[in-house]
């Protein structure tokens, strides 16, 4: 049997993670010392932990991991779960790629000077963008600016 610290080092997880898995019932220790509360695991449990970690790394929620391992799921249901994870990851990647494109476009505008007469601000009342960002033309010196808008981002 291995102590909790040894198992944590072998699997490269924290002791806290192992305790969390115990609390959820995903990985109960084979033995708990009644005097110290120290947890001990068998080699089979280390294998189970590695399966848990692989599924978690693939984005499978912990609530499904235990069931997948306990039910000794066949290839088809696992394939379906992984395809769902794949679709979700692609959707996140697409959204992040679009955000990166917008940031790069704004940077290019700022660097080439085409935004020299504009300030990029965040407005609580702005309706110009889904993220609350708005651009406004700078006013000449001496004229007042709207106080509802946050200070301009200047580079």
Protein backbone atom coordinates (compact mmCIF):
# COMPACT_ATOMS: atom_id res chain seq x y z
CA UNK A 1 0.00 0.00 0.00
CA UNK A 2 1.05 3.57 -0.69
CA UNK A 3 0.52 6.57 1.54
CA UNK A 4 -1.38 9.55 0.24
CA UNK A 5 1.80 11.62 -0.20
CA UNK A 6 3.44 8.90 -2.27
CA UNK A 7 0.38 8.51 -4.48
CA UNK A 8 0.20 12.29 -4.94
CA UNK A 9 3.83 12.37 -6.07
CA UNK A 10 3.43 9.33 -8.36
CA UNK A 11 0.39 10.85 -10.08
CA UNK A 12 1.66 14.43 -9.91
CA UNK A 13 -1.45 15.68 -8.14
CA UNK A 14 -1.88 17.39 -4.82
CA UNK A 15 -2.86 15.64 -1.60
CA UNK A 16 -5.81 18.03 -1.58
CA UNK A 17 -6.96 16.62 -4.96
CA UNK A 18 -6.83 13.07 -3.57
CA UNK A 19 -8.88 14.16 -0.56
CA UNK A 20 -11.36 15.84 -2.90
CA UNK A 21 -11.70 12.65 -4.96
CA UNK A 22 -12.28 10.74 -1.71
CA UNK A 23 -14.98 13.22 -0.62
CA UNK A 24 -16.73 12.81 -3.99
CA UNK A 25 -16.42 9.03 -3.90
CA UNK A 26 -14.35 8.92 -7.08
CA UNK A 27 -11.30 7.44 -5.39
CA UNK A 28 -11.78 6.13 -1.87
CA UNK A 29 -8.60 5.02 -0.09
CA UNK A 30 -8.28 1.30 0.56
CA UNK A 31 -7.53 2.00 4.19
CA UNK A 32 -7.70 4.98 6.50
CA UNK A 33 -5.72 4.86 9.74
CA UNK A 34 -8.31 5.28 12.52
CA UNK A 35 -5.89 7.17 14.77
CA UNK A 36 -4.24 9.54 12.29
CA UNK A 37 -6.76 9.66 9.44
CA UNK A 38 -3.89 8.95 7.07
CA UNK A 39 -5.07 7.47 3.76
CA UNK A 40 -3.52 4.47 2.04
CA UNK A 41 -4.00 3.32 -1.55
CA UNK A 42 -3.39 0.07 -3.43
CA UNK A 43 -1.61 -0.20 -6.78
CA UNK A 44 -5.02 -0.80 -8.44
CA UNK A 45 -6.21 2.51 -7.04
CA UNK A 46 -3.19 4.27 -8.54
CA UNK A 47 -4.24 2.83 -11.92
CA UNK A 48 -7.79 4.09 -11.30
CA UNK A 49 -6.38 7.52 -10.42
CA UNK A 50 -4.50 7.64 -13.71
CA UNK A 51 -7.73 6.81 -15.58
CA UNK A 52 -9.48 9.61 -13.70
CA UNK A 53 -6.71 12.05 -14.60
CA UNK A 54 -6.76 11.08 -18.29
CA UNK A 55 -10.51 11.60 -18.52
CA UNK A 56 -10.28 14.90 -16.63
CA UNK A 57 -7.52 16.04 -18.98
CA UNK A 58 -9.87 15.32 -21.88
CA UNK A 59 -12.46 17.60 -20.29
CA UNK A 60 -14.82 14.94 -18.93
CA UNK A 61 -16.59 16.36 -15.85
CA UNK A 62 -15.71 14.65 -12.58
CA UNK A 63 -19.37 13.82 -12.13
CA UNK A 64 -19.14 11.54 -15.21
CA UNK A 65 -15.64 10.18 -14.64
CA UNK A 66 -16.53 7.86 -11.76
CA UNK A 67 -19.46 6.43 -13.66
CA UNK A 68 -17.36 5.84 -16.76
CA UNK A 69 -14.73 3.97 -14.79
CA UNK A 70 -17.16 2.07 -12.55
CA UNK A 71 -19.42 0.98 -15.42
CA UNK A 72 -16.43 -0.18 -17.47
CA UNK A 73 -17.84 1.78 -20.39
CA UNK A 74 -17.38 0.41 -23.89
CA UNK A 75 -15.77 2.28 -26.75
CA UNK A 76 -18.97 3.70 -28.30
CA UNK A 77 -20.24 5.70 -25.29
CA UNK A 78 -16.70 6.91 -24.62
CA UNK A 79 -16.37 7.95 -28.26
CA UNK A 80 -19.61 9.92 -27.98
CA UNK A 81 -18.43 11.70 -24.83
CA UNK A 82 -15.11 12.56 -26.43
CA UNK A 83 -16.81 13.86 -29.58
CA UNK A 84 -18.91 16.13 -27.41
CA UNK A 85 -15.75 17.37 -25.64
CA UNK A 86 -14.17 17.89 -29.07
CA UNK A 87 -17.10 20.00 -30.28
CA UNK A 88 -17.03 22.08 -27.09
CA UNK A 89 -13.27 22.63 -27.38
CA UNK A 90 -13.64 23.69 -31.02
CA UNK A 91 -16.36 26.17 -30.09
CA UNK A 92 -14.14 27.67 -27.38
CA UNK A 93 -11.23 27.82 -29.82
CA UNK A 94 -13.38 29.56 -32.44
CA UNK A 95 -14.54 32.15 -29.91
CA UNK A 96 -10.98 32.77 -28.70
CA UNK A 97 -9.70 33.01 -32.27
CA UNK A 98 -12.35 35.63 -33.06
CA UNK A 99 -11.45 37.59 -29.94
CA UNK A 100 -7.77 37.45 -30.91
CA UNK A 101 -8.64 38.71 -34.39
CA UNK A 102 -10.50 41.70 -32.90
CA UNK A 103 -7.60 42.50 -30.57
CA UNK A 104 -5.09 42.29 -33.41
CA UNK A 105 -7.26 44.51 -35.60
CA UNK A 106 -7.55 47.13 -32.85
CA UNK A 107 -3.80 47.00 -32.23
CA UNK A 108 -3.10 47.44 -35.93
CA UNK A 109 -5.43 50.44 -36.05
CA UNK A 110 -3.71 52.00 -33.05
CA UNK A 111 -0.23 51.34 -34.41
CA UNK A 112 -0.91 52.77 -37.86
CA UNK A 113 -2.39 55.89 -36.36
CA UNK A 114 -5.86 55.51 -37.89
CA UNK A 115 -7.28 55.64 -34.37
CA UNK A 116 -5.26 58.73 -33.37
CA UNK A 117 -8.40 60.83 -33.08
CA UNK A 118 -10.33 58.25 -31.11
CA UNK A 119 -10.23 56.93 -27.57
CA UNK A 120 -11.13 53.38 -26.65
CA UNK A 121 -13.29 53.40 -23.55
CA UNK A 122 -15.54 51.21 -21.48
CA UNK A 123 -18.96 52.65 -20.80
CA UNK A 124 -21.57 51.32 -18.41
CA UNK A 125 -24.24 52.76 -20.72
CA UNK A 126 -22.57 51.85 -24.00
CA UNK A 127 -24.64 49.92 -26.49
CA UNK A 128 -22.13 50.02 -29.27
CA UNK A 129 -20.68 46.58 -28.60
CA UNK A 130 -21.58 43.36 -26.87
CA UNK A 131 -18.54 43.73 -24.61
CA UNK A 132 -19.26 47.34 -23.60
CA UNK A 133 -16.35 48.79 -25.57
CA UNK A 134 -16.99 51.96 -27.47
CA UNK A 135 -14.94 54.44 -29.38
CA UNK A 136 -15.54 58.13 -29.29
CA UNK A 137 -13.92 60.98 -31.05
CA UNK A 138 -11.73 63.16 -28.87
CA UNK A 139 -13.00 66.62 -28.31
CA UNK A 140 -10.75 69.59 -28.67
CA UNK A 141 -9.06 70.98 -25.60
CA UNK A 142 -11.27 72.83 -23.23
CA UNK A 143 -14.49 71.06 -24.11
CA UNK A 144 -16.04 68.70 -21.62
CA UNK A 145 -16.18 64.94 -22.01
CA UNK A 146 -18.82 62.55 -20.84
CA UNK A 147 -18.29 61.39 -17.25
CA UNK A 148 -20.23 58.20 -17.86
CA UNK A 149 -17.32 56.83 -19.84
CA UNK A 150 -14.23 55.42 -18.20
CA UNK A 151 -10.81 56.97 -18.84
CA UNK A 152 -9.35 56.24 -22.24
CA UNK A 153 -6.83 53.48 -22.74
CA UNK A 154 -3.72 55.16 -23.95
CA UNK A 155 -0.68 53.41 -25.35
